[in-house]
N, C-alpha and C. Protein backbone atom coordinates (compact mmCIF):
# COMPACT_ATOMS: atom_id res chain seq x y z
N MET A 1 0.85 -1.18 0.00
CA MET A 1 0.00 0.00 0.00
C MET A 1 0.89 1.24 0.00
N SER A 2 0.53 2.22 -0.80
CA SER A 2 1.31 3.45 -0.88
C SER A 2 1.16 4.25 0.40
N SER A 3 2.23 4.92 0.77
CA SER A 3 2.14 5.80 1.93
C SER A 3 1.41 7.07 1.54
N TYR A 4 0.97 7.83 2.56
CA TYR A 4 0.26 9.08 2.31
C TYR A 4 1.10 10.03 1.47
N LYS A 5 2.40 10.10 1.78
CA LYS A 5 3.29 10.99 1.05
C LYS A 5 3.34 10.62 -0.44
N GLN A 6 3.44 9.32 -0.74
CA GLN A 6 3.46 8.88 -2.13
C GLN A 6 2.15 9.23 -2.83
N LEU A 7 1.02 9.03 -2.15
CA LEU A 7 -0.27 9.35 -2.76
C LEU A 7 -0.40 10.84 -3.01
N LYS A 8 0.07 11.64 -2.06
CA LYS A 8 0.02 13.08 -2.23
C LYS A 8 0.85 13.48 -3.45
N THR A 9 2.03 12.93 -3.57
CA THR A 9 2.89 13.22 -4.71
C THR A 9 2.21 12.77 -6.01
N LEU A 10 1.60 11.61 -6.00
CA LEU A 10 0.90 11.14 -7.19
C LEU A 10 -0.24 12.09 -7.54
N ARG A 11 -1.02 12.51 -6.56
CA ARG A 11 -2.11 13.44 -6.83
C ARG A 11 -1.60 14.74 -7.44
N GLU A 12 -0.51 15.23 -6.90
CA GLU A 12 0.09 16.45 -7.45
C GLU A 12 0.52 16.23 -8.90
N ARG A 13 1.10 15.09 -9.17
CA ARG A 13 1.53 14.77 -10.53
C ARG A 13 0.33 14.60 -11.46
N LEU A 14 -0.72 13.94 -10.99
CA LEU A 14 -1.94 13.77 -11.78
C LEU A 14 -2.53 15.12 -12.16
N ASP A 15 -2.49 16.05 -11.23
CA ASP A 15 -3.05 17.39 -11.49
C ASP A 15 -2.25 18.16 -12.54
N GLN A 16 -1.03 17.74 -12.81
CA GLN A 16 -0.19 18.41 -13.81
C GLN A 16 -0.39 17.86 -15.23
N ILE A 17 -1.09 16.73 -15.35
CA ILE A 17 -1.24 16.10 -16.67
C ILE A 17 -2.03 16.98 -17.63
N LEU A 18 -3.18 17.44 -17.23
CA LEU A 18 -4.04 18.21 -18.13
C LEU A 18 -3.35 19.45 -18.68
N PRO A 19 -2.76 20.31 -17.83
CA PRO A 19 -2.06 21.47 -18.39
C PRO A 19 -0.91 21.08 -19.32
N LYS A 20 -0.23 19.99 -19.00
CA LYS A 20 0.89 19.56 -19.83
C LYS A 20 0.42 19.15 -21.23
N ILE A 21 -0.63 18.32 -21.31
CA ILE A 21 -1.04 17.82 -22.63
C ILE A 21 -1.81 18.86 -23.43
N GLU A 22 -2.22 19.94 -22.81
CA GLU A 22 -2.85 21.02 -23.56
C GLU A 22 -1.87 22.12 -23.92
N SER A 23 -0.61 22.00 -23.51
CA SER A 23 0.39 23.03 -23.79
C SER A 23 0.83 22.97 -25.25
N ALA A 24 1.22 24.11 -25.78
CA ALA A 24 1.72 24.17 -27.16
C ALA A 24 2.98 23.32 -27.31
N GLU A 25 3.82 23.29 -26.29
CA GLU A 25 5.05 22.49 -26.36
C GLU A 25 4.73 21.02 -26.60
N PHE A 26 3.72 20.51 -25.90
CA PHE A 26 3.32 19.13 -26.06
C PHE A 26 2.65 18.90 -27.40
N LEU A 27 1.64 19.69 -27.71
CA LEU A 27 0.84 19.48 -28.92
C LEU A 27 1.64 19.67 -30.20
N GLU A 28 2.65 20.53 -30.15
CA GLU A 28 3.44 20.82 -31.35
C GLU A 28 4.83 20.19 -31.31
N ASN A 29 5.06 19.31 -30.34
CA ASN A 29 6.36 18.64 -30.20
C ASN A 29 7.52 19.64 -30.15
N LYS A 30 7.35 20.71 -29.43
CA LYS A 30 8.40 21.73 -29.33
C LYS A 30 9.39 21.39 -28.23
N GLY A 31 10.63 21.79 -28.45
CA GLY A 31 11.65 21.63 -27.43
C GLY A 31 12.10 20.21 -27.20
N LEU A 32 11.89 19.33 -28.17
CA LEU A 32 12.24 17.92 -27.99
C LEU A 32 13.56 17.54 -28.65
N GLY A 33 14.22 18.50 -29.29
CA GLY A 33 15.50 18.20 -29.93
C GLY A 33 15.38 17.15 -31.01
N ASN A 34 14.40 17.29 -31.88
CA ASN A 34 14.16 16.37 -33.01
C ASN A 34 13.77 14.96 -32.57
N GLU A 35 13.40 14.79 -31.33
CA GLU A 35 12.90 13.50 -30.85
C GLU A 35 11.40 13.41 -31.13
N ILE A 36 10.91 12.18 -31.22
CA ILE A 36 9.48 11.96 -31.38
C ILE A 36 8.80 12.23 -30.05
N GLY A 37 7.63 12.82 -30.07
CA GLY A 37 6.91 13.20 -28.86
C GLY A 37 6.26 12.02 -28.16
N PHE A 38 7.08 11.14 -27.61
CA PHE A 38 6.59 10.02 -26.82
C PHE A 38 6.89 10.31 -25.36
N TYR A 39 5.89 10.10 -24.53
CA TYR A 39 5.99 10.41 -23.11
C TYR A 39 5.56 9.21 -22.29
N VAL A 40 6.09 9.14 -21.07
CA VAL A 40 5.68 8.13 -20.11
C VAL A 40 5.24 8.84 -18.85
N PHE A 41 4.06 8.45 -18.35
CA PHE A 41 3.63 8.88 -17.03
C PHE A 41 3.68 7.64 -16.16
N ASP A 42 4.72 7.56 -15.32
CA ASP A 42 4.86 6.39 -14.47
C ASP A 42 4.19 6.63 -13.13
N TYR A 43 3.74 5.55 -12.52
CA TYR A 43 3.04 5.64 -11.24
C TYR A 43 3.12 4.29 -10.54
N PRO A 44 2.96 4.29 -9.21
CA PRO A 44 2.98 3.02 -8.49
C PRO A 44 1.84 2.11 -8.96
N ALA A 45 2.14 0.86 -9.19
CA ALA A 45 1.13 -0.08 -9.70
C ALA A 45 -0.09 -0.17 -8.80
N ASP A 46 0.10 0.00 -7.50
CA ASP A 46 -1.05 -0.09 -6.59
C ASP A 46 -1.95 1.13 -6.65
N ALA A 47 -1.58 2.11 -7.46
CA ALA A 47 -2.42 3.30 -7.65
C ALA A 47 -3.20 3.22 -8.96
N GLU A 48 -3.29 2.03 -9.54
CA GLU A 48 -3.95 1.85 -10.85
C GLU A 48 -5.37 2.43 -10.87
N LEU A 49 -6.16 2.14 -9.86
CA LEU A 49 -7.55 2.62 -9.87
C LEU A 49 -7.62 4.14 -9.78
N GLU A 50 -6.76 4.73 -9.01
CA GLU A 50 -6.74 6.20 -8.91
C GLU A 50 -6.35 6.82 -10.25
N VAL A 51 -5.35 6.25 -10.90
CA VAL A 51 -4.92 6.77 -12.21
C VAL A 51 -6.02 6.58 -13.24
N ARG A 52 -6.65 5.42 -13.26
CA ARG A 52 -7.73 5.14 -14.19
C ARG A 52 -8.88 6.14 -14.01
N GLU A 53 -9.23 6.40 -12.74
CA GLU A 53 -10.29 7.36 -12.45
C GLU A 53 -9.90 8.76 -12.93
N HIS A 54 -8.66 9.13 -12.71
CA HIS A 54 -8.21 10.46 -13.15
C HIS A 54 -8.19 10.56 -14.68
N LEU A 55 -7.85 9.48 -15.35
CA LEU A 55 -7.89 9.48 -16.82
C LEU A 55 -9.31 9.72 -17.33
N GLY A 56 -10.30 9.14 -16.66
CA GLY A 56 -11.69 9.39 -17.01
C GLY A 56 -12.05 10.85 -16.84
N PHE A 57 -11.60 11.45 -15.74
CA PHE A 57 -11.82 12.86 -15.48
C PHE A 57 -11.17 13.73 -16.57
N ILE A 58 -9.90 13.44 -16.86
CA ILE A 58 -9.16 14.19 -17.89
C ILE A 58 -9.85 14.05 -19.24
N SER A 59 -10.24 12.84 -19.59
CA SER A 59 -10.87 12.59 -20.87
C SER A 59 -12.14 13.43 -21.02
N GLY A 60 -12.96 13.47 -19.99
CA GLY A 60 -14.18 14.29 -20.02
C GLY A 60 -13.87 15.76 -20.21
N LYS A 61 -12.88 16.26 -19.48
CA LYS A 61 -12.48 17.67 -19.61
C LYS A 61 -12.01 17.98 -21.03
N LEU A 62 -11.17 17.09 -21.58
CA LEU A 62 -10.63 17.31 -22.92
C LEU A 62 -11.74 17.29 -23.97
N GLU A 63 -12.68 16.37 -23.84
CA GLU A 63 -13.81 16.31 -24.77
C GLU A 63 -14.65 17.58 -24.69
N ASN A 64 -14.92 18.05 -23.47
CA ASN A 64 -15.70 19.28 -23.29
C ASN A 64 -14.99 20.50 -23.88
N ARG A 65 -13.68 20.45 -23.95
CA ARG A 65 -12.89 21.56 -24.50
C ARG A 65 -12.68 21.42 -26.00
N GLY A 66 -13.26 20.38 -26.60
CA GLY A 66 -13.18 20.21 -28.05
C GLY A 66 -11.90 19.58 -28.55
N ARG A 67 -11.12 19.01 -27.68
CA ARG A 67 -9.88 18.37 -28.10
C ARG A 67 -10.19 17.07 -28.85
N LYS A 68 -9.42 16.82 -29.88
CA LYS A 68 -9.53 15.59 -30.67
C LYS A 68 -8.36 14.69 -30.28
N PHE A 69 -8.66 13.56 -29.67
CA PHE A 69 -7.61 12.67 -29.19
C PHE A 69 -8.13 11.24 -29.15
N ALA A 70 -7.20 10.32 -28.99
CA ALA A 70 -7.55 8.91 -28.83
C ALA A 70 -7.09 8.48 -27.44
N ILE A 71 -7.98 7.79 -26.74
CA ILE A 71 -7.61 7.18 -25.46
C ILE A 71 -7.84 5.68 -25.65
N ILE A 72 -6.76 4.92 -25.50
CA ILE A 72 -6.79 3.51 -25.88
C ILE A 72 -6.37 2.65 -24.71
N ASN A 73 -7.22 1.68 -24.36
CA ASN A 73 -6.95 0.71 -23.31
C ASN A 73 -6.24 -0.48 -23.95
N LEU A 74 -5.03 -0.76 -23.53
CA LEU A 74 -4.23 -1.81 -24.16
C LEU A 74 -4.78 -3.21 -23.95
N PHE A 75 -5.44 -3.45 -22.83
CA PHE A 75 -6.07 -4.75 -22.63
C PHE A 75 -7.21 -4.94 -23.63
N GLU A 76 -7.99 -3.89 -23.85
CA GLU A 76 -9.08 -3.96 -24.84
C GLU A 76 -8.53 -4.16 -26.24
N VAL A 77 -7.34 -3.62 -26.51
CA VAL A 77 -6.69 -3.84 -27.80
C VAL A 77 -6.42 -5.34 -28.00
N ILE A 78 -5.88 -5.99 -26.96
CA ILE A 78 -5.61 -7.43 -27.05
C ILE A 78 -6.89 -8.20 -27.37
N ILE A 79 -7.95 -7.91 -26.63
CA ILE A 79 -9.22 -8.61 -26.85
C ILE A 79 -9.74 -8.36 -28.26
N SER A 80 -9.66 -7.11 -28.72
CA SER A 80 -10.14 -6.79 -30.06
C SER A 80 -9.36 -7.53 -31.14
N ILE A 81 -8.05 -7.59 -30.98
CA ILE A 81 -7.23 -8.30 -31.96
C ILE A 81 -7.59 -9.79 -31.96
N LEU A 82 -7.70 -10.37 -30.77
CA LEU A 82 -8.06 -11.79 -30.69
C LEU A 82 -9.46 -12.03 -31.26
N ASP A 83 -10.41 -11.16 -30.94
CA ASP A 83 -11.76 -11.29 -31.49
C ASP A 83 -11.74 -11.22 -33.01
N SER A 84 -10.98 -10.29 -33.57
CA SER A 84 -10.95 -10.11 -35.02
C SER A 84 -10.39 -11.34 -35.74
N ARG A 85 -9.63 -12.14 -35.03
CA ARG A 85 -9.05 -13.35 -35.62
C ARG A 85 -9.72 -14.62 -35.10
N ASN A 86 -10.86 -14.43 -34.41
CA ASN A 86 -11.61 -15.57 -33.84
C ASN A 86 -10.73 -16.45 -32.95
N LEU A 87 -9.89 -15.80 -32.13
CA LEU A 87 -8.98 -16.54 -31.27
C LEU A 87 -9.32 -16.44 -29.78
N THR A 88 -10.27 -15.61 -29.42
CA THR A 88 -10.53 -15.36 -28.00
C THR A 88 -10.93 -16.62 -27.25
N GLU A 89 -11.93 -17.32 -27.75
CA GLU A 89 -12.40 -18.52 -27.05
C GLU A 89 -11.32 -19.60 -27.03
N ARG A 90 -10.58 -19.74 -28.11
CA ARG A 90 -9.50 -20.72 -28.14
C ARG A 90 -8.42 -20.36 -27.13
N ALA A 91 -8.17 -19.07 -26.97
CA ALA A 91 -7.16 -18.62 -25.99
C ALA A 91 -7.61 -18.96 -24.58
N PHE A 92 -8.89 -18.72 -24.27
CA PHE A 92 -9.40 -19.06 -22.94
C PHE A 92 -9.28 -20.57 -22.69
N LYS A 93 -9.63 -21.35 -23.69
CA LYS A 93 -9.58 -22.81 -23.56
C LYS A 93 -8.14 -23.28 -23.36
N LEU A 94 -7.22 -22.72 -24.15
CA LEU A 94 -5.82 -23.10 -24.03
C LEU A 94 -5.28 -22.77 -22.64
N GLN A 95 -5.61 -21.59 -22.14
CA GLN A 95 -5.13 -21.19 -20.82
C GLN A 95 -5.67 -22.11 -19.74
N LYS A 96 -6.94 -22.46 -19.85
CA LYS A 96 -7.56 -23.35 -18.86
C LYS A 96 -6.94 -24.75 -18.89
N GLU A 97 -6.68 -25.26 -20.09
CA GLU A 97 -6.19 -26.63 -20.23
C GLU A 97 -4.68 -26.76 -20.05
N ARG A 98 -3.92 -25.75 -20.50
CA ARG A 98 -2.46 -25.91 -20.51
C ARG A 98 -1.71 -24.86 -19.70
N GLY A 99 -2.41 -23.81 -19.22
CA GLY A 99 -1.77 -22.84 -18.34
C GLY A 99 -1.30 -21.56 -19.02
N ASP A 100 -0.79 -20.67 -18.19
CA ASP A 100 -0.38 -19.34 -18.65
C ASP A 100 0.79 -19.36 -19.63
N ASP A 101 1.78 -20.22 -19.36
CA ASP A 101 2.94 -20.25 -20.24
C ASP A 101 2.57 -20.69 -21.66
N ALA A 102 1.72 -21.68 -21.77
CA ALA A 102 1.28 -22.15 -23.09
C ALA A 102 0.49 -21.05 -23.80
N LEU A 103 -0.35 -20.36 -23.05
CA LEU A 103 -1.12 -19.25 -23.64
C LEU A 103 -0.19 -18.15 -24.13
N PHE A 104 0.74 -17.77 -23.28
CA PHE A 104 1.69 -16.71 -23.64
C PHE A 104 2.45 -17.07 -24.91
N ASN A 105 2.94 -18.28 -24.99
CA ASN A 105 3.68 -18.71 -26.19
C ASN A 105 2.79 -18.73 -27.43
N ALA A 106 1.54 -19.15 -27.28
CA ALA A 106 0.62 -19.21 -28.42
C ALA A 106 0.25 -17.82 -28.92
N LEU A 107 0.25 -16.83 -28.04
CA LEU A 107 -0.18 -15.47 -28.42
C LEU A 107 0.97 -14.60 -28.94
N LYS A 108 2.20 -15.10 -28.87
CA LYS A 108 3.34 -14.30 -29.33
C LYS A 108 3.20 -13.88 -30.79
N GLY A 109 2.69 -14.75 -31.63
CA GLY A 109 2.52 -14.42 -33.05
C GLY A 109 1.38 -13.44 -33.29
N PRO A 110 0.15 -13.81 -32.90
CA PRO A 110 -0.99 -12.93 -33.16
C PRO A 110 -0.88 -11.57 -32.47
N LEU A 111 -0.18 -11.52 -31.34
CA LEU A 111 -0.08 -10.26 -30.59
C LEU A 111 1.34 -9.71 -30.59
N GLU A 112 2.06 -10.00 -31.66
CA GLU A 112 3.40 -9.45 -31.82
C GLU A 112 3.30 -7.92 -31.78
N GLN A 113 4.31 -7.26 -31.21
CA GLN A 113 4.24 -5.81 -30.94
C GLN A 113 3.94 -4.97 -32.18
N ASN A 114 4.46 -5.33 -33.34
CA ASN A 114 4.17 -4.56 -34.55
C ASN A 114 2.71 -4.68 -34.97
N ARG A 115 2.12 -5.84 -34.76
CA ARG A 115 0.69 -6.01 -35.05
C ARG A 115 -0.15 -5.17 -34.10
N VAL A 116 0.24 -5.17 -32.84
CA VAL A 116 -0.46 -4.35 -31.85
C VAL A 116 -0.31 -2.88 -32.21
N ALA A 117 0.88 -2.47 -32.61
CA ALA A 117 1.12 -1.08 -32.99
C ALA A 117 0.28 -0.69 -34.21
N ASP A 118 0.18 -1.58 -35.19
CA ASP A 118 -0.67 -1.31 -36.37
C ASP A 118 -2.12 -1.10 -35.95
N PHE A 119 -2.60 -1.95 -35.06
CA PHE A 119 -3.97 -1.86 -34.58
C PHE A 119 -4.19 -0.53 -33.86
N ILE A 120 -3.26 -0.14 -33.01
CA ILE A 120 -3.37 1.12 -32.28
C ILE A 120 -3.37 2.30 -33.24
N ALA A 121 -2.49 2.28 -34.22
CA ALA A 121 -2.43 3.38 -35.19
C ALA A 121 -3.76 3.52 -35.93
N GLU A 122 -4.37 2.40 -36.27
CA GLU A 122 -5.67 2.43 -36.94
C GLU A 122 -6.76 2.95 -35.99
N GLU A 123 -6.77 2.45 -34.77
CA GLU A 123 -7.77 2.88 -33.78
C GLU A 123 -7.64 4.36 -33.45
N ALA A 124 -6.43 4.87 -33.46
CA ALA A 124 -6.18 6.26 -33.05
C ALA A 124 -6.67 7.27 -34.07
N ASN A 125 -6.98 6.83 -35.29
CA ASN A 125 -7.44 7.76 -36.31
C ASN A 125 -6.48 8.95 -36.39
N LEU A 126 -5.25 8.68 -36.78
CA LEU A 126 -4.16 9.64 -36.71
C LEU A 126 -4.44 10.97 -37.39
N ASP A 127 -5.18 10.97 -38.48
CA ASP A 127 -5.48 12.23 -39.17
C ASP A 127 -6.36 13.16 -38.34
N GLN A 128 -7.08 12.59 -37.38
CA GLN A 128 -8.02 13.37 -36.58
C GLN A 128 -7.57 13.60 -35.14
N SER A 129 -6.47 12.99 -34.72
CA SER A 129 -6.06 13.05 -33.32
C SER A 129 -4.91 14.02 -33.10
N GLU A 130 -5.09 14.88 -32.09
CA GLU A 130 -4.01 15.77 -31.68
C GLU A 130 -2.97 15.01 -30.86
N PHE A 131 -3.42 13.99 -30.13
CA PHE A 131 -2.53 13.20 -29.30
C PHE A 131 -3.21 11.88 -28.95
N ILE A 132 -2.41 10.96 -28.37
CA ILE A 132 -2.90 9.63 -28.01
C ILE A 132 -2.52 9.35 -26.56
N LEU A 133 -3.48 8.82 -25.81
CA LEU A 133 -3.25 8.39 -24.43
C LEU A 133 -3.42 6.87 -24.37
N LEU A 134 -2.38 6.17 -23.96
CA LEU A 134 -2.41 4.71 -23.85
C LEU A 134 -2.41 4.32 -22.39
N HIS A 135 -3.33 3.44 -22.01
CA HIS A 135 -3.40 2.98 -20.62
C HIS A 135 -3.79 1.52 -20.59
N GLY A 136 -3.82 0.94 -19.40
CA GLY A 136 -4.20 -0.47 -19.25
C GLY A 136 -3.05 -1.44 -19.45
N LEU A 137 -1.82 -0.94 -19.43
CA LEU A 137 -0.67 -1.81 -19.66
C LEU A 137 -0.55 -2.89 -18.58
N GLY A 138 -0.88 -2.55 -17.35
CA GLY A 138 -0.77 -3.53 -16.27
C GLY A 138 -1.62 -4.76 -16.52
N SER A 139 -2.79 -4.57 -17.11
CA SER A 139 -3.69 -5.69 -17.43
C SER A 139 -3.21 -6.48 -18.64
N ALA A 140 -2.44 -5.84 -19.50
CA ALA A 140 -1.98 -6.47 -20.74
C ALA A 140 -0.58 -7.08 -20.62
N TRP A 141 0.12 -6.76 -19.55
CA TRP A 141 1.48 -7.25 -19.35
C TRP A 141 1.46 -8.71 -18.94
N PRO A 142 2.32 -9.58 -19.39
CA PRO A 142 3.52 -9.37 -20.18
C PRO A 142 3.31 -9.53 -21.68
N ILE A 143 2.07 -9.71 -22.11
CA ILE A 143 1.82 -9.85 -23.55
C ILE A 143 2.25 -8.59 -24.28
N ILE A 144 1.90 -7.45 -23.72
CA ILE A 144 2.38 -6.18 -24.25
C ILE A 144 3.39 -5.64 -23.26
N ARG A 145 4.58 -5.32 -23.76
CA ARG A 145 5.65 -4.76 -22.93
C ARG A 145 5.81 -3.30 -23.32
N GLY A 146 5.98 -2.45 -22.34
CA GLY A 146 6.06 -1.01 -22.58
C GLY A 146 7.11 -0.62 -23.61
N HIS A 147 8.35 -1.07 -23.41
CA HIS A 147 9.42 -0.68 -24.32
C HIS A 147 9.19 -1.23 -25.73
N GLY A 148 8.75 -2.47 -25.82
CA GLY A 148 8.51 -3.08 -27.14
C GLY A 148 7.40 -2.37 -27.90
N LEU A 149 6.34 -2.03 -27.18
CA LEU A 149 5.23 -1.34 -27.83
C LEU A 149 5.65 0.05 -28.30
N LEU A 150 6.32 0.81 -27.44
CA LEU A 150 6.75 2.15 -27.83
C LEU A 150 7.71 2.11 -29.02
N ASN A 151 8.62 1.15 -29.01
CA ASN A 151 9.54 1.01 -30.16
C ASN A 151 8.76 0.71 -31.44
N ALA A 152 7.77 -0.17 -31.36
CA ALA A 152 6.97 -0.52 -32.53
C ALA A 152 6.12 0.66 -33.00
N LEU A 153 5.66 1.47 -32.06
CA LEU A 153 4.80 2.61 -32.41
C LEU A 153 5.55 3.75 -33.08
N HIS A 154 6.86 3.85 -32.86
CA HIS A 154 7.64 4.95 -33.42
C HIS A 154 7.39 5.16 -34.91
N ALA A 155 7.46 4.10 -35.67
CA ALA A 155 7.31 4.20 -37.12
C ALA A 155 5.85 4.38 -37.55
N LYS A 156 4.92 4.13 -36.65
CA LYS A 156 3.50 4.12 -37.03
C LYS A 156 2.78 5.43 -36.73
N LEU A 157 3.21 6.16 -35.72
CA LEU A 157 2.42 7.30 -35.25
C LEU A 157 2.89 8.65 -35.76
N GLY A 158 4.01 8.69 -36.44
CA GLY A 158 4.48 9.95 -36.98
C GLY A 158 4.74 10.96 -35.88
N SER A 159 4.18 12.16 -36.04
CA SER A 159 4.45 13.24 -35.08
C SER A 159 3.32 13.44 -34.07
N VAL A 160 2.44 12.45 -33.95
CA VAL A 160 1.33 12.58 -32.99
C VAL A 160 1.87 12.31 -31.58
N PRO A 161 1.83 13.31 -30.69
CA PRO A 161 2.31 13.08 -29.33
C PRO A 161 1.54 11.93 -28.68
N THR A 162 2.28 11.09 -27.96
CA THR A 162 1.70 9.88 -27.36
C THR A 162 2.18 9.74 -25.93
N VAL A 163 1.25 9.43 -25.04
CA VAL A 163 1.58 9.22 -23.63
C VAL A 163 1.22 7.79 -23.25
N LEU A 164 2.18 7.08 -22.67
CA LEU A 164 1.94 5.76 -22.11
C LEU A 164 1.83 5.92 -20.60
N PHE A 165 0.69 5.57 -20.05
CA PHE A 165 0.52 5.54 -18.60
C PHE A 165 1.06 4.20 -18.13
N TYR A 166 2.12 4.27 -17.31
CA TYR A 166 2.94 3.10 -17.03
C TYR A 166 2.94 2.73 -15.55
N PRO A 167 2.38 1.55 -15.22
CA PRO A 167 2.38 1.10 -13.83
C PRO A 167 3.74 0.52 -13.44
N GLY A 168 4.60 1.39 -13.00
CA GLY A 168 5.96 0.99 -12.66
C GLY A 168 6.82 2.23 -12.55
N GLU A 169 8.09 2.06 -12.85
CA GLU A 169 9.02 3.18 -12.75
C GLU A 169 9.69 3.42 -14.09
N TYR A 170 9.87 4.69 -14.41
CA TYR A 170 10.61 5.08 -15.61
C TYR A 170 11.62 6.12 -15.20
N ASP A 171 12.89 5.85 -15.46
CA ASP A 171 13.95 6.76 -15.03
C ASP A 171 14.48 7.62 -16.17
N GLY A 172 13.79 7.61 -17.30
CA GLY A 172 14.24 8.38 -18.46
C GLY A 172 15.03 7.52 -19.44
N ALA A 173 15.33 6.29 -19.06
CA ALA A 173 16.07 5.40 -19.95
C ALA A 173 15.52 3.98 -19.93
N SER A 174 15.07 3.50 -18.78
CA SER A 174 14.55 2.14 -18.73
C SER A 174 13.24 2.09 -17.95
N LEU A 175 12.41 1.15 -18.37
CA LEU A 175 11.11 0.93 -17.74
C LEU A 175 11.22 -0.25 -16.79
N LYS A 176 10.70 -0.09 -15.59
CA LYS A 176 10.73 -1.15 -14.58
C LYS A 176 9.28 -1.50 -14.25
N PRO A 177 8.74 -2.58 -14.88
CA PRO A 177 7.34 -2.93 -14.68
C PRO A 177 6.99 -3.13 -13.20
N PHE A 178 5.92 -2.52 -12.79
CA PHE A 178 5.36 -2.63 -11.45
C PHE A 178 6.31 -2.17 -10.36
N GLY A 179 7.43 -1.56 -10.76
CA GLY A 179 8.40 -1.06 -9.80
C GLY A 179 9.17 -2.16 -9.10
N THR A 180 8.96 -3.41 -9.50
CA THR A 180 9.61 -4.53 -8.81
C THR A 180 10.36 -5.46 -9.76
N ILE A 181 10.09 -5.38 -11.04
CA ILE A 181 10.70 -6.31 -11.99
C ILE A 181 11.82 -5.59 -12.72
N ASP A 182 13.04 -6.07 -12.53
CA ASP A 182 14.18 -5.44 -13.20
C ASP A 182 14.09 -5.68 -14.70
N SER A 183 14.42 -4.66 -15.44
CA SER A 183 14.36 -4.74 -16.90
C SER A 183 15.63 -4.13 -17.46
N ASN A 184 16.22 -4.79 -18.40
CA ASN A 184 17.42 -4.27 -19.06
C ASN A 184 17.07 -3.61 -20.39
N ASN A 185 15.80 -3.29 -20.56
CA ASN A 185 15.35 -2.74 -21.83
C ASN A 185 15.44 -1.23 -21.81
N TYR A 186 16.24 -0.71 -22.73
CA TYR A 186 16.43 0.73 -22.84
C TYR A 186 15.32 1.31 -23.70
N TYR A 187 14.80 2.44 -23.28
CA TYR A 187 13.84 3.14 -24.11
C TYR A 187 14.00 4.63 -23.88
N ARG A 188 13.92 5.41 -24.95
CA ARG A 188 14.08 6.86 -24.85
C ARG A 188 12.73 7.53 -25.07
N ALA A 189 12.17 8.05 -24.01
CA ALA A 189 10.95 8.84 -24.06
C ALA A 189 11.10 9.92 -23.01
N PHE A 190 10.20 10.85 -22.99
CA PHE A 190 10.23 11.91 -22.01
C PHE A 190 9.26 11.59 -20.88
N LYS A 191 9.63 11.97 -19.68
CA LYS A 191 8.69 11.84 -18.57
C LYS A 191 7.66 12.95 -18.74
N LEU A 192 6.39 12.58 -18.77
CA LEU A 192 5.34 13.59 -18.95
C LEU A 192 5.36 14.57 -17.79
N VAL A 193 5.38 14.04 -16.58
CA VAL A 193 5.41 14.85 -15.37
C VAL A 193 6.46 14.24 -14.45
N PRO A 194 7.51 15.00 -14.11
CA PRO A 194 8.55 14.45 -13.22
C PRO A 194 8.02 14.13 -11.84
């Protein structure tokens, strides 16, 4: 359970999201030194419900202000991809009969990161979106990995600013899922809110 101090800090950081994503610097990819406008908002995994609730609040505010954006739940992306290929029921059956490892291995092909990235790019309606908010990674992990997805999305999203809400830690170079799993995967993105 997060301490009061951590929750207070998270609340302060959550309150900074809306002004940040409505800023000209964010929307126009300014001041990034020719980098793609990819951002990570990291948070303690046990604060998932609070972050999810705040995303709903932000989404409503942005819609009321006329912003055009995509908010995409990564777990729902997995289900949609499996449904589109008539694999959902087979996946449930495989998991029940043979376990998580067998399911994970069977889904590596259909849910390969580039396929997921293609699906997200299509869902985001890039011509109409000022930015993209990605969430639900905790529910989709380890099928979708933060660094792998962001790397795959680079070539697909062009200059559309994108934020990954990440249940774990991001130090500006590597992502640490859930704040407890060591990862040697390097990724270059900007912290949305320090």
